[in-house]
Amino acid sequence: MPLIQTKKLTKIFKNGEQTLIALESIDLEIERGEFVALTGQSGSGKTTLMHLLGCLDTPSSGQLFLEGREVSAISLKQLAFVRNQKIGFVFQNFHLLNDLTAVENTVLPQIYGGISEKSAKKKACELLEIVGLGNRLAHYPNQLSGGQRQRMAIARALAMDPPILLADEPTGNLDSENAKMIIDLFYSINLQKKTTIIIVTHERSIAQRAQRCITIHDGKVASDIKRL
């Protein structure tokens, strides 16, 4: 059973009389432990696809299955539960809470998930140590560099041990040295935790390092290349 499966997944946006088909009849299967790059020109539909895979949006038609369960037609409350338990998110602009420390940012999704504060704090400290921020536990996001903030965001994304990690242009705001560090960290997580990682990227060097590269063009899968 694939970890992620889509069947004829379609997303249509309407603005008055105008209709935009952002995605059209996407059929995909992504296995547990894969490292996938989603590529394509701006406006191709790759970010829309990531939002659907991450249950941040719902399709206009078609089906999405996570671990064999259809999630394309469940309630908003159920979608929020799925996101908390099954999916970690890393964004280009970090989306950290600036009034919370590194530990507090990493604790927060665990509290939402029903984990005790003591256990959540212990897990947060362990994750921040893993991403190289063990000496920055009490620092706020605005006290850290861009690379450090992205590593904090990765720790937060891993807080609930999700089987899926989605990253939208995670190196877009970083210099080349920090970008390489972040991608190396993703690979380490993929190898050690067997986390399925899907990265939306414009960068060819990142796409070439992925085990699988799916290119989206005009809302459709233009190519799907798997590397040994």
N, C-alpha and C. Protein backbone atom coordinates (compact mmCIF):
# COMPACT_ATOMS: atom_id res chain seq x y z
N MET A 1 0.85 -1.20 0.00
CA MET A 1 0.00 0.00 0.00
C MET A 1 0.88 1.25 0.00
N PRO A 2 0.70 2.15 -0.97
CA PRO A 2 1.50 3.38 -0.99
C PRO A 2 1.20 4.23 0.25
N LEU A 3 2.21 4.99 0.68
CA LEU A 3 1.98 5.93 1.79
C LEU A 3 1.04 7.04 1.32
N ILE A 4 1.28 7.54 0.11
CA ILE A 4 0.45 8.58 -0.49
C ILE A 4 -0.04 8.10 -1.85
N GLN A 5 -1.31 8.28 -2.12
CA GLN A 5 -1.85 7.92 -3.42
C GLN A 5 -2.88 8.96 -3.85
N THR A 6 -2.79 9.40 -5.09
CA THR A 6 -3.80 10.29 -5.63
C THR A 6 -4.44 9.63 -6.85
N LYS A 7 -5.73 9.88 -7.00
CA LYS A 7 -6.48 9.36 -8.14
C LYS A 7 -7.26 10.51 -8.77
N LYS A 8 -6.85 10.86 -9.99
CA LYS A 8 -7.52 11.92 -10.76
C LYS A 8 -7.65 13.21 -9.95
N LEU A 9 -6.65 13.53 -9.16
CA LEU A 9 -6.71 14.69 -8.28
C LEU A 9 -6.73 15.97 -9.11
N THR A 10 -7.74 16.79 -8.88
CA THR A 10 -7.95 18.00 -9.68
C THR A 10 -8.27 19.17 -8.76
N LYS A 11 -7.68 20.34 -9.09
CA LYS A 11 -7.98 21.56 -8.34
C LYS A 11 -8.30 22.68 -9.32
N ILE A 12 -9.48 23.25 -9.15
CA ILE A 12 -9.94 24.34 -10.02
C ILE A 12 -10.22 25.56 -9.16
N PHE A 13 -9.68 26.70 -9.56
CA PHE A 13 -9.95 27.96 -8.89
C PHE A 13 -10.88 28.79 -9.77
N LYS A 14 -11.88 29.40 -9.14
CA LYS A 14 -12.82 30.24 -9.88
C LYS A 14 -12.81 31.65 -9.31
N ASN A 15 -12.77 32.62 -10.21
CA ASN A 15 -12.82 34.03 -9.84
C ASN A 15 -13.83 34.70 -10.76
N GLY A 16 -15.06 34.82 -10.27
CA GLY A 16 -16.12 35.33 -11.11
C GLY A 16 -16.41 34.36 -12.25
N GLU A 17 -16.29 34.85 -13.46
CA GLU A 17 -16.53 33.99 -14.62
C GLU A 17 -15.27 33.29 -15.10
N GLN A 18 -14.14 33.64 -14.50
CA GLN A 18 -12.87 33.03 -14.91
C GLN A 18 -12.64 31.72 -14.16
N THR A 19 -12.12 30.74 -14.86
CA THR A 19 -11.82 29.44 -14.28
C THR A 19 -10.37 29.08 -14.57
N LEU A 20 -9.64 28.70 -13.54
CA LEU A 20 -8.24 28.28 -13.69
C LEU A 20 -8.11 26.84 -13.22
N ILE A 21 -7.68 25.98 -14.11
CA ILE A 21 -7.41 24.58 -13.74
C ILE A 21 -5.96 24.50 -13.27
N ALA A 22 -5.76 24.49 -11.96
CA ALA A 22 -4.42 24.48 -11.40
C ALA A 22 -3.79 23.09 -11.47
N LEU A 23 -4.60 22.06 -11.26
CA LEU A 23 -4.16 20.66 -11.37
C LEU A 23 -5.25 19.88 -12.07
N GLU A 24 -4.83 18.94 -12.92
CA GLU A 24 -5.81 18.18 -13.68
C GLU A 24 -5.47 16.69 -13.68
N SER A 25 -6.31 15.91 -13.02
CA SER A 25 -6.25 14.43 -13.07
C SER A 25 -4.86 13.89 -12.74
N ILE A 26 -4.37 14.26 -11.55
CA ILE A 26 -3.05 13.80 -11.12
C ILE A 26 -3.17 12.41 -10.49
N ASP A 27 -2.44 11.44 -11.06
CA ASP A 27 -2.35 10.08 -10.52
C ASP A 27 -0.92 9.85 -10.05
N LEU A 28 -0.75 9.66 -8.74
CA LEU A 28 0.58 9.45 -8.18
C LEU A 28 0.53 8.40 -7.08
N GLU A 29 1.64 7.70 -6.92
CA GLU A 29 1.84 6.83 -5.76
C GLU A 29 3.23 7.12 -5.21
N ILE A 30 3.30 7.43 -3.92
CA ILE A 30 4.57 7.72 -3.26
C ILE A 30 4.72 6.75 -2.09
N GLU A 31 5.83 6.04 -2.09
CA GLU A 31 6.05 5.00 -1.09
C GLU A 31 6.70 5.56 0.17
N ARG A 32 6.55 4.85 1.25
CA ARG A 32 7.20 5.23 2.51
C ARG A 32 8.72 5.25 2.33
N GLY A 33 9.34 6.32 2.80
CA GLY A 33 10.79 6.42 2.75
C GLY A 33 11.35 7.05 1.49
N GLU A 34 10.50 7.43 0.55
CA GLU A 34 11.00 8.07 -0.67
C GLU A 34 11.43 9.52 -0.40
N PHE A 35 12.39 9.99 -1.18
CA PHE A 35 12.81 11.39 -1.18
C PHE A 35 12.47 11.95 -2.55
N VAL A 36 11.47 12.82 -2.60
CA VAL A 36 10.89 13.27 -3.87
C VAL A 36 11.06 14.78 -4.03
N ALA A 37 11.48 15.18 -5.23
CA ALA A 37 11.50 16.60 -5.58
C ALA A 37 10.33 16.88 -6.52
N LEU A 38 9.56 17.93 -6.19
CA LEU A 38 8.50 18.41 -7.08
C LEU A 38 9.01 19.67 -7.77
N THR A 39 9.13 19.62 -9.10
CA THR A 39 9.69 20.75 -9.83
C THR A 39 8.70 21.24 -10.89
N GLY A 40 9.03 22.38 -11.48
CA GLY A 40 8.19 22.97 -12.51
C GLY A 40 8.30 24.48 -12.45
N GLN A 41 7.93 25.13 -13.53
CA GLN A 41 7.98 26.58 -13.58
C GLN A 41 6.97 27.20 -12.61
N SER A 42 7.16 28.47 -12.30
CA SER A 42 6.18 29.18 -11.47
C SER A 42 4.81 29.13 -12.14
N GLY A 43 3.80 28.80 -11.36
CA GLY A 43 2.44 28.70 -11.89
C GLY A 43 2.12 27.35 -12.50
N SER A 44 3.04 26.40 -12.39
CA SER A 44 2.81 25.08 -13.00
C SER A 44 1.82 24.23 -12.22
N GLY A 45 1.68 24.53 -10.91
CA GLY A 45 0.78 23.75 -10.06
C GLY A 45 1.46 22.95 -8.99
N LYS A 46 2.79 23.03 -8.90
CA LYS A 46 3.51 22.18 -7.94
C LYS A 46 3.20 22.55 -6.49
N THR A 47 3.09 23.85 -6.19
CA THR A 47 2.77 24.24 -4.82
C THR A 47 1.32 23.89 -4.49
N THR A 48 0.43 24.02 -5.47
CA THR A 48 -0.96 23.59 -5.26
C THR A 48 -1.00 22.10 -4.93
N LEU A 49 -0.21 21.31 -5.64
CA LEU A 49 -0.16 19.87 -5.37
C LEU A 49 0.36 19.61 -3.96
N MET A 50 1.40 20.33 -3.54
CA MET A 50 1.91 20.14 -2.19
C MET A 50 0.85 20.49 -1.15
N HIS A 51 0.11 21.55 -1.38
CA HIS A 51 -0.95 21.93 -0.44
C HIS A 51 -2.03 20.85 -0.33
N LEU A 52 -2.34 20.21 -1.45
CA LEU A 52 -3.33 19.13 -1.41
C LEU A 52 -2.75 17.91 -0.70
N LEU A 53 -1.51 17.55 -1.01
CA LEU A 53 -0.88 16.39 -0.35
C LEU A 53 -0.75 16.62 1.15
N GLY A 54 -0.57 17.89 1.54
CA GLY A 54 -0.42 18.21 2.96
C GLY A 54 -1.73 18.51 3.68
N CYS A 55 -2.85 18.30 2.99
CA CYS A 55 -4.17 18.54 3.58
C CYS A 55 -4.36 19.99 4.03
N LEU A 56 -3.63 20.91 3.36
CA LEU A 56 -3.82 22.33 3.61
C LEU A 56 -4.95 22.88 2.76
N ASP A 57 -5.35 22.11 1.75
CA ASP A 57 -6.45 22.49 0.87
C ASP A 57 -7.16 21.20 0.45
N THR A 58 -8.34 21.36 -0.10
CA THR A 58 -9.11 20.19 -0.54
C THR A 58 -9.26 20.22 -2.06
N PRO A 59 -9.29 19.06 -2.71
CA PRO A 59 -9.40 19.03 -4.17
C PRO A 59 -10.80 19.38 -4.65
N SER A 60 -10.88 19.83 -5.89
CA SER A 60 -12.18 20.06 -6.53
C SER A 60 -12.83 18.74 -6.92
N SER A 61 -11.99 17.78 -7.29
CA SER A 61 -12.46 16.43 -7.58
C SER A 61 -11.27 15.48 -7.48
N GLY A 62 -11.55 14.19 -7.55
CA GLY A 62 -10.50 13.20 -7.38
C GLY A 62 -10.34 12.79 -5.92
N GLN A 63 -9.36 11.93 -5.67
CA GLN A 63 -9.18 11.37 -4.33
C GLN A 63 -7.72 11.43 -3.88
N LEU A 64 -7.54 11.61 -2.58
CA LEU A 64 -6.23 11.55 -1.94
C LEU A 64 -6.29 10.55 -0.80
N PHE A 65 -5.33 9.63 -0.79
CA PHE A 65 -5.25 8.61 0.25
C PHE A 65 -3.91 8.75 0.98
N LEU A 66 -3.95 8.74 2.32
CA LEU A 66 -2.75 8.69 3.15
C LEU A 66 -2.80 7.41 3.96
N GLU A 67 -1.79 6.57 3.79
CA GLU A 67 -1.73 5.28 4.47
C GLU A 67 -3.01 4.47 4.22
N GLY A 68 -3.55 4.58 3.01
CA GLY A 68 -4.72 3.80 2.63
C GLY A 68 -6.05 4.41 3.01
N ARG A 69 -6.02 5.52 3.75
CA ARG A 69 -7.27 6.17 4.18
C ARG A 69 -7.56 7.36 3.29
N GLU A 70 -8.78 7.44 2.77
CA GLU A 70 -9.13 8.59 1.94
C GLU A 70 -9.31 9.81 2.82
N VAL A 71 -8.58 10.89 2.49
CA VAL A 71 -8.66 12.11 3.28
C VAL A 71 -9.14 13.29 2.44
N SER A 72 -9.53 13.04 1.20
CA SER A 72 -9.92 14.13 0.31
C SER A 72 -11.32 14.64 0.57
N ALA A 73 -12.10 13.94 1.40
CA ALA A 73 -13.48 14.37 1.63
C ALA A 73 -13.85 14.37 3.11
N ILE A 74 -12.85 14.50 3.99
CA ILE A 74 -13.14 14.50 5.42
C ILE A 74 -13.35 15.93 5.91
N SER A 75 -13.82 16.08 7.14
CA SER A 75 -14.14 17.39 7.69
C SER A 75 -12.87 18.20 7.98
N LEU A 76 -13.03 19.51 8.15
CA LEU A 76 -11.89 20.38 8.46
C LEU A 76 -11.23 19.99 9.78
N LYS A 77 -12.04 19.58 10.75
CA LYS A 77 -11.50 19.14 12.04
C LYS A 77 -10.65 17.89 11.87
N GLN A 78 -11.14 16.95 11.06
CA GLN A 78 -10.38 15.73 10.81
C GLN A 78 -9.10 16.02 10.03
N LEU A 79 -9.17 16.98 9.09
CA LEU A 79 -7.98 17.37 8.34
C LEU A 79 -6.91 17.95 9.27
N ALA A 80 -7.34 18.76 10.24
CA ALA A 80 -6.40 19.34 11.19
C ALA A 80 -5.71 18.25 12.00
N PHE A 81 -6.46 17.21 12.37
CA PHE A 81 -5.89 16.09 13.11
C PHE A 81 -4.87 15.35 12.25
N VAL A 82 -5.20 15.12 10.97
CA VAL A 82 -4.28 14.44 10.06
C VAL A 82 -2.98 15.23 9.92
N ARG A 83 -3.10 16.54 9.75
CA ARG A 83 -1.90 17.38 9.61
C ARG A 83 -1.03 17.30 10.86
N ASN A 84 -1.64 17.32 12.01
CA ASN A 84 -0.87 17.27 13.26
C ASN A 84 -0.16 15.95 13.44
N GLN A 85 -0.83 14.85 13.09
CA GLN A 85 -0.30 13.53 13.38
C GLN A 85 0.56 12.94 12.27
N LYS A 86 0.31 13.33 11.02
CA LYS A 86 0.90 12.62 9.89
C LYS A 86 1.87 13.44 9.04
N ILE A 87 1.83 14.77 9.16
CA ILE A 87 2.57 15.60 8.21
C ILE A 87 3.32 16.71 8.93
N GLY A 88 4.59 16.85 8.59
CA GLY A 88 5.39 17.98 9.06
C GLY A 88 5.62 18.94 7.91
N PHE A 89 5.62 20.24 8.20
CA PHE A 89 5.75 21.26 7.16
C PHE A 89 6.97 22.14 7.41
N VAL A 90 7.70 22.42 6.32
CA VAL A 90 8.81 23.37 6.36
C VAL A 90 8.60 24.34 5.20
N PHE A 91 8.56 25.65 5.52
CA PHE A 91 8.26 26.66 4.51
C PHE A 91 9.46 27.55 4.25
N GLN A 92 9.45 28.20 3.09
CA GLN A 92 10.53 29.10 2.70
C GLN A 92 10.71 30.22 3.71
N ASN A 93 9.60 30.74 4.23
CA ASN A 93 9.66 31.87 5.17
C ASN A 93 9.57 31.43 6.62
N PHE A 94 9.83 30.16 6.88
CA PHE A 94 9.95 29.57 8.21
C PHE A 94 8.63 29.43 8.97
N HIS A 95 7.81 30.50 9.01
CA HIS A 95 6.52 30.48 9.71
C HIS A 95 6.67 30.10 11.18
N LEU A 96 7.72 30.60 11.80
CA LEU A 96 7.92 30.40 13.23
C LEU A 96 7.18 31.49 14.01
N LEU A 97 6.89 31.21 15.27
CA LEU A 97 6.25 32.20 16.13
C LEU A 97 7.35 32.99 16.84
N ASN A 98 7.46 34.27 16.51
CA ASN A 98 8.59 35.08 16.96
C ASN A 98 8.60 35.35 18.45
N ASP A 99 7.46 35.18 19.12
CA ASP A 99 7.42 35.44 20.56
C ASP A 99 7.65 34.17 21.38
N LEU A 100 8.00 33.07 20.69
CA LEU A 100 8.31 31.82 21.37
C LEU A 100 9.76 31.42 21.11
N THR A 101 10.39 30.82 22.10
CA THR A 101 11.76 30.34 21.94
C THR A 101 11.80 29.11 21.05
N ALA A 102 13.02 28.66 20.75
CA ALA A 102 13.19 27.46 19.93
C ALA A 102 12.48 26.26 20.56
N VAL A 103 12.66 26.09 21.87
CA VAL A 103 11.99 24.98 22.57
C VAL A 103 10.48 25.15 22.50
N GLU A 104 10.00 26.35 22.76
CA GLU A 104 8.55 26.57 22.78
C GLU A 104 7.92 26.38 21.41
N ASN A 105 8.61 26.80 20.34
CA ASN A 105 8.11 26.56 18.99
C ASN A 105 8.00 25.07 18.70
N THR A 106 8.95 24.30 19.20
CA THR A 106 8.99 22.86 18.93
C THR A 106 8.04 22.09 19.83
N VAL A 107 7.75 22.64 20.99
CA VAL A 107 6.79 22.02 21.91
C VAL A 107 5.36 22.16 21.41
N LEU A 108 5.06 23.29 20.78
CA LEU A 108 3.68 23.65 20.47
C LEU A 108 2.88 22.57 19.72
N PRO A 109 3.39 22.01 18.60
CA PRO A 109 2.57 20.98 17.92
C PRO A 109 2.33 19.75 18.77
N GLN A 110 3.24 19.48 19.70
CA GLN A 110 3.06 18.32 20.57
C GLN A 110 1.93 18.57 21.58
N ILE A 111 1.85 19.80 22.08
CA ILE A 111 0.76 20.14 23.00
C ILE A 111 -0.57 20.01 22.28
N TYR A 112 -0.63 20.52 21.05
CA TYR A 112 -1.86 20.37 20.25
C TYR A 112 -2.19 18.90 20.03
N GLY A 113 -1.16 18.07 19.98
CA GLY A 113 -1.36 16.64 19.75
C GLY A 113 -1.66 15.85 21.01
N GLY A 114 -1.78 16.53 22.15
CA GLY A 114 -2.17 15.86 23.39
C GLY A 114 -1.03 15.30 24.21
N ILE A 115 0.20 15.68 23.89
CA ILE A 115 1.37 15.19 24.63
C ILE A 115 1.61 16.09 25.85
N SER A 116 2.01 15.51 26.94
CA SER A 116 2.22 16.28 28.17
C SER A 116 3.36 17.28 27.96
N GLU A 117 3.30 18.38 28.68
CA GLU A 117 4.31 19.42 28.53
C GLU A 117 5.71 18.92 28.85
N LYS A 118 5.82 18.08 29.88
CA LYS A 118 7.13 17.54 30.26
C LYS A 118 7.72 16.70 29.14
N SER A 119 6.94 15.79 28.59
CA SER A 119 7.41 14.93 27.50
C SER A 119 7.70 15.74 26.25
N ALA A 120 6.84 16.73 25.99
CA ALA A 120 7.01 17.56 24.80
C ALA A 120 8.31 18.36 24.88
N LYS A 121 8.62 18.89 26.04
CA LYS A 121 9.85 19.67 26.20
C LYS A 121 11.07 18.78 26.04
N LYS A 122 11.02 17.58 26.59
CA LYS A 122 12.15 16.65 26.45
C LYS A 122 12.38 16.31 24.97
N LYS A 123 11.31 16.04 24.24
CA LYS A 123 11.41 15.72 22.83
C LYS A 123 11.93 16.92 22.04
N ALA A 124 11.45 18.11 22.38
CA ALA A 124 11.88 19.33 21.69
C ALA A 124 13.39 19.53 21.84
N CYS A 125 13.89 19.35 23.04
CA CYS A 125 15.33 19.52 23.29
C CYS A 125 16.14 18.50 22.50
N GLU A 126 15.65 17.26 22.42
CA GLU A 126 16.34 16.22 21.65
C GLU A 126 16.39 16.57 20.17
N LEU A 127 15.27 17.04 19.63
CA LEU A 127 15.21 17.38 18.21
C LEU A 127 16.10 18.58 17.88
N LEU A 128 16.07 19.58 18.75
CA LEU A 128 16.91 20.76 18.51
C LEU A 128 18.39 20.40 18.59
N GLU A 129 18.73 19.45 19.43
CA GLU A 129 20.11 18.95 19.49
C GLU A 129 20.47 18.27 18.17
N ILE A 130 19.56 17.46 17.64
CA ILE A 130 19.79 16.73 16.38
C ILE A 130 20.04 17.70 15.23
N VAL A 131 19.31 18.82 15.18
CA VAL A 131 19.47 19.76 14.06
C VAL A 131 20.56 20.81 14.33
N GLY A 132 21.30 20.62 15.41
CA GLY A 132 22.44 21.49 15.67
C GLY A 132 22.13 22.76 16.42
N LEU A 133 21.00 22.77 17.14
CA LEU A 133 20.62 23.97 17.90
C LEU A 133 20.58 23.68 19.40
N GLY A 134 21.33 22.72 19.84
CA GLY A 134 21.32 22.37 21.26
C GLY A 134 21.78 23.50 22.16
N ASN A 135 22.54 24.43 21.61
CA ASN A 135 23.01 25.59 22.39
C ASN A 135 22.19 26.84 22.10
N ARG A 136 21.00 26.66 21.48
CA ARG A 136 20.14 27.80 21.15
C ARG A 136 18.70 27.57 21.64
N LEU A 137 18.56 26.75 22.65
CA LEU A 137 17.22 26.34 23.09
C LEU A 137 16.36 27.52 23.53
N ALA A 138 16.95 28.50 24.17
CA ALA A 138 16.19 29.62 24.72
C ALA A 138 16.19 30.84 23.80
N HIS A 139 16.74 30.67 22.59
CA HIS A 139 16.80 31.80 21.66
C HIS A 139 15.47 31.94 20.91
N TYR A 140 15.14 33.19 20.59
CA TYR A 140 13.96 33.48 19.79
C TYR A 140 14.35 33.50 18.31
N PRO A 141 13.40 33.30 17.40
CA PRO A 141 13.73 33.27 15.97
C PRO A 141 14.52 34.49 15.49
N ASN A 142 14.16 35.69 15.98
CA ASN A 142 14.85 36.89 15.50
C ASN A 142 16.27 37.03 16.06
N GLN A 143 16.67 36.09 16.92
CA GLN A 143 18.03 36.06 17.43
C GLN A 143 18.90 35.06 16.67
N LEU A 144 18.33 34.43 15.64
CA LEU A 144 19.02 33.39 14.90
C LEU A 144 19.19 33.76 13.44
N SER A 145 20.16 33.13 12.79
CA SER A 145 20.37 33.34 11.37
C SER A 145 19.29 32.61 10.56
N GLY A 146 19.23 32.87 9.26
CA GLY A 146 18.25 32.20 8.42
C GLY A 146 18.40 30.70 8.43
N GLY A 147 19.64 30.22 8.35
CA GLY A 147 19.87 28.78 8.39
C GLY A 147 19.45 28.16 9.71
N GLN A 148 19.72 28.87 10.80
CA GLN A 148 19.32 28.37 12.12
C GLN A 148 17.81 28.36 12.27
N ARG A 149 17.13 29.38 11.75
CA ARG A 149 15.67 29.41 11.81
C ARG A 149 15.06 28.26 11.01
N GLN A 150 15.68 27.94 9.86
CA GLN A 150 15.15 26.84 9.07
C GLN A 150 15.37 25.51 9.79
N ARG A 151 16.50 25.38 10.48
CA ARG A 151 16.72 24.16 11.26
C ARG A 151 15.73 24.06 12.42
N MET A 152 15.40 25.22 13.03
CA MET A 152 14.36 25.22 14.06
C MET A 152 13.02 24.77 13.47
N ALA A 153 12.71 25.25 12.28
CA ALA A 153 11.46 24.86 11.62
C ALA A 153 11.43 23.36 11.33
N ILE A 154 12.57 22.79 10.98
CA ILE A 154 12.64 21.35 10.72
C ILE A 154 12.41 20.57 12.01
N ALA A 155 13.03 21.04 13.11
CA ALA A 155 12.80 20.38 14.40
C ALA A 155 11.32 20.41 14.76
N ARG A 156 10.68 21.55 14.57
CA ARG A 156 9.25 21.66 14.85
C ARG A 156 8.44 20.71 13.96
N ALA A 157 8.82 20.61 12.69
CA ALA A 157 8.10 19.74 11.76
C ALA A 157 8.19 18.27 12.14
N LEU A 158 9.27 17.92 12.84
CA LEU A 158 9.48 16.52 13.23
C LEU A 158 8.93 16.20 14.62
N ALA A 159 8.34 17.18 15.27
CA ALA A 159 7.97 17.03 16.67
C ALA A 159 7.01 15.87 16.93
N MET A 160 6.12 15.58 15.97
CA MET A 160 5.14 14.51 16.15
C MET A 160 5.54 13.22 15.44
N ASP A 161 6.83 13.13 15.04
CA ASP A 161 7.32 11.96 14.31
C ASP A 161 6.43 11.63 13.10
N PRO A 162 6.15 12.61 12.25
CA PRO A 162 5.25 12.36 11.12
C PRO A 162 5.91 11.45 10.08
N PRO A 163 5.13 10.61 9.41
CA PRO A 163 5.71 9.79 8.34
C PRO A 163 6.02 10.59 7.09
N ILE A 164 5.45 11.82 7.00
CA ILE A 164 5.61 12.65 5.81
C ILE A 164 6.14 14.03 6.21
N LEU A 165 7.17 14.49 5.48
CA LEU A 165 7.70 15.83 5.68
C LEU A 165 7.60 16.56 4.34
N LEU A 166 6.87 17.68 4.33
CA LEU A 166 6.69 18.48 3.12
C LEU A 166 7.45 19.78 3.28
N ALA A 167 8.23 20.13 2.25
CA ALA A 167 9.03 21.35 2.31
C ALA A 167 8.80 22.17 1.05
N ASP A 168 8.38 23.42 1.21
CA ASP A 168 8.09 24.31 0.09
C ASP A 168 9.22 25.32 -0.06
N GLU A 169 10.09 25.11 -1.06
CA GLU A 169 11.24 25.98 -1.32
C GLU A 169 12.02 26.26 -0.02
N PRO A 170 12.44 25.21 0.69
CA PRO A 170 13.03 25.41 2.01
C PRO A 170 14.38 26.12 2.00
N THR A 171 15.03 26.20 0.84
CA THR A 171 16.33 26.89 0.78
C THR A 171 16.23 28.21 0.03
N GLY A 172 15.01 28.64 -0.31
CA GLY A 172 14.83 29.82 -1.14
C GLY A 172 15.38 31.09 -0.55
N ASN A 173 15.40 31.20 0.78
CA ASN A 173 15.88 32.43 1.43
C ASN A 173 17.26 32.26 2.07
N LEU A 174 17.98 31.22 1.65
CA LEU A 174 19.27 30.91 2.29
C LEU A 174 20.41 31.05 1.30
N ASP A 175 21.61 31.36 1.83
CA ASP A 175 22.80 31.36 0.98
C ASP A 175 23.19 29.93 0.66
N SER A 176 24.13 29.75 -0.25
CA SER A 176 24.47 28.41 -0.75
C SER A 176 25.00 27.49 0.34
N GLU A 177 25.76 28.05 1.28
CA GLU A 177 26.31 27.21 2.35
C GLU A 177 25.21 26.68 3.26
N ASN A 178 24.31 27.56 3.67
CA ASN A 178 23.20 27.13 4.52
C ASN A 178 22.22 26.25 3.76
N ALA A 179 22.02 26.52 2.48
CA ALA A 179 21.13 25.69 1.67
C ALA A 179 21.64 24.26 1.61
N LYS A 180 22.93 24.09 1.39
CA LYS A 180 23.51 22.74 1.37
C LYS A 180 23.35 22.05 2.71
N MET A 181 23.54 22.81 3.79
CA MET A 181 23.41 22.25 5.13
C MET A 181 21.98 21.74 5.37
N ILE A 182 20.99 22.52 4.92
CA ILE A 182 19.59 22.13 5.10
C ILE A 182 19.26 20.88 4.29
N ILE A 183 19.71 20.83 3.05
CA ILE A 183 19.44 19.65 2.21
C ILE A 183 20.15 18.42 2.77
N ASP A 184 21.36 18.59 3.26
CA ASP A 184 22.06 17.46 3.90
C ASP A 184 21.28 16.97 5.11
N LEU A 185 20.69 17.90 5.85
CA LEU A 185 19.90 17.53 7.02
C LEU A 185 18.66 16.73 6.60
N PHE A 186 18.00 17.17 5.53
CA PHE A 186 16.86 16.42 5.02
C PHE A 186 17.26 14.99 4.65
N TYR A 187 18.40 14.84 3.99
CA TYR A 187 18.85 13.50 3.60
C TYR A 187 19.14 12.64 4.81
N SER A 188 19.73 13.23 5.83
CA SER A 188 20.01 12.49 7.06
C SER A 188 18.72 12.02 7.71
N ILE A 189 17.71 12.89 7.75
CA ILE A 189 16.41 12.54 8.33
C ILE A 189 15.76 11.41 7.52
N ASN A 190 15.86 11.52 6.20
CA ASN A 190 15.28 10.51 5.32
C ASN A 190 15.92 9.14 5.55
N LEU A 191 17.23 9.13 5.69
CA LEU A 191 17.95 7.87 5.86
C LEU A 191 17.75 7.27 7.25
N GLN A 192 17.83 8.12 8.27
CA GLN A 192 17.80 7.62 9.64
C GLN A 192 16.39 7.33 10.14
N LYS A 193 15.45 8.19 9.79
CA LYS A 193 14.08 8.04 10.29
C LYS A 193 13.14 7.39 9.29
N LYS A 194 13.62 7.21 8.03
CA LYS A 194 12.78 6.66 6.95
C LYS A 194 11.56 7.55 6.70
N THR A 195 11.71 8.83 7.00
CA THR A 195 10.64 9.79 6.75
C THR A 195 10.52 10.04 5.25
N THR A 196 9.31 10.02 4.74
CA THR A 196 9.07 10.37 3.34
C THR A 196 9.15 11.89 3.21
N ILE A 197 10.04 12.36 2.34
CA ILE A 197 10.27 13.79 2.19
C ILE A 197 9.91 14.22 0.78
N ILE A 198 9.09 15.27 0.69
CA ILE A 198 8.69 15.83 -0.60
C ILE A 198 9.07 17.31 -0.58
N ILE A 199 9.96 17.71 -1.49
CA ILE A 199 10.44 19.08 -1.54
C ILE A 199 9.99 19.75 -2.84
N VAL A 200 9.32 20.88 -2.71
CA VAL A 200 9.03 21.73 -3.87
C VAL A 200 10.24 22.62 -4.08
N THR A 201 10.81 22.60 -5.28
CA THR A 201 12.03 23.37 -5.51
C THR A 201 12.15 23.81 -6.97
N HIS A 202 12.78 24.97 -7.16
CA HIS A 202 13.17 25.44 -8.48
C HIS A 202 14.62 25.06 -8.78
N GLU A 203 15.34 24.61 -7.76
CA GLU A 203 16.78 24.44 -7.88
C GLU A 203 17.13 23.07 -8.44
N ARG A 204 17.79 23.08 -9.59
CA ARG A 204 18.14 21.83 -10.27
C ARG A 204 19.05 20.96 -9.42
N SER A 205 19.98 21.60 -8.69
CA SER A 205 20.94 20.82 -7.89
C SER A 205 20.23 20.00 -6.82
N ILE A 206 19.14 20.54 -6.25
CA ILE A 206 18.37 19.80 -5.25
C ILE A 206 17.59 18.68 -5.91
N ALA A 207 16.94 18.99 -7.04
CA ALA A 207 16.16 17.99 -7.75
C ALA A 207 17.02 16.81 -8.20
N GLN A 208 18.26 17.11 -8.58
CA GLN A 208 19.15 16.04 -9.05
C GLN A 208 19.59 15.12 -7.92
N ARG A 209 19.55 15.60 -6.71
CA ARG A 209 19.95 14.77 -5.57
C ARG A 209 18.82 13.90 -5.04
N ALA A 210 17.59 14.22 -5.43
CA ALA A 210 16.44 13.44 -4.96
C ALA A 210 16.41 12.07 -5.61
N GLN A 211 15.82 11.10 -4.90
CA GLN A 211 15.67 9.76 -5.46
C GLN A 211 14.65 9.75 -6.59
N ARG A 212 13.76 10.72 -6.57
CA ARG A 212 12.68 10.77 -7.56
C ARG A 212 12.37 12.24 -7.84
N CYS A 213 12.19 12.57 -9.11
CA CYS A 213 11.88 13.94 -9.50
C CYS A 213 10.61 13.94 -10.34
N ILE A 214 9.57 14.61 -9.81
CA ILE A 214 8.29 14.74 -10.50
C ILE A 214 8.18 16.17 -11.00
N THR A 215 8.04 16.33 -12.31
CA THR A 215 7.92 17.65 -12.91
C THR A 215 6.47 17.92 -13.28
N ILE A 216 5.95 19.06 -12.81
CA ILE A 216 4.58 19.47 -13.10
C ILE A 216 4.62 20.57 -14.16
N HIS A 217 3.76 20.44 -15.17
CA HIS A 217 3.68 21.45 -16.23
C HIS A 217 2.22 21.66 -16.59
N ASP A 218 1.76 22.89 -16.50
CA ASP A 218 0.37 23.22 -16.80
C ASP A 218 -0.62 22.33 -16.07
N GLY A 219 -0.31 22.05 -14.80
CA GLY A 219 -1.24 21.30 -13.96
C GLY A 219 -1.25 19.80 -14.17
N LYS A 220 -0.30 19.30 -14.93
CA LYS A 220 -0.24 17.86 -15.19
C LYS A 220 1.17 17.34 -14.92
N VAL A 221 1.29 16.04 -14.70
CA VAL A 221 2.62 15.43 -14.52
C VAL A 221 3.28 15.31 -15.88
N ALA A 222 4.36 16.11 -16.07
CA ALA A 222 5.08 16.09 -17.35
C ALA A 222 6.11 14.97 -17.39
N SER A 223 6.71 14.66 -16.22
CA SER A 223 7.67 13.57 -16.13
C SER A 223 7.75 13.08 -14.69
N ASP A 224 8.15 11.85 -14.53
CA ASP A 224 8.29 11.23 -13.21
C ASP A 224 9.48 10.29 -13.29
N ILE A 225 10.63 10.77 -12.82
CA ILE A 225 11.88 10.05 -12.98
C ILE A 225 12.35 9.52 -11.64
N LYS A 226 12.59 8.21 -11.57
CA LYS A 226 13.13 7.59 -10.37
C LYS A 226 14.58 7.22 -10.61
N ARG A 227 15.42 7.51 -9.62
CA ARG A 227 16.84 7.20 -9.71
C ARG A 227 17.17 6.10 -8.72
N LEU A 228 18.11 5.26 -9.10
CA LEU A 228 18.54 4.17 -8.22
C LEU A 228 19.41 4.72 -7.11
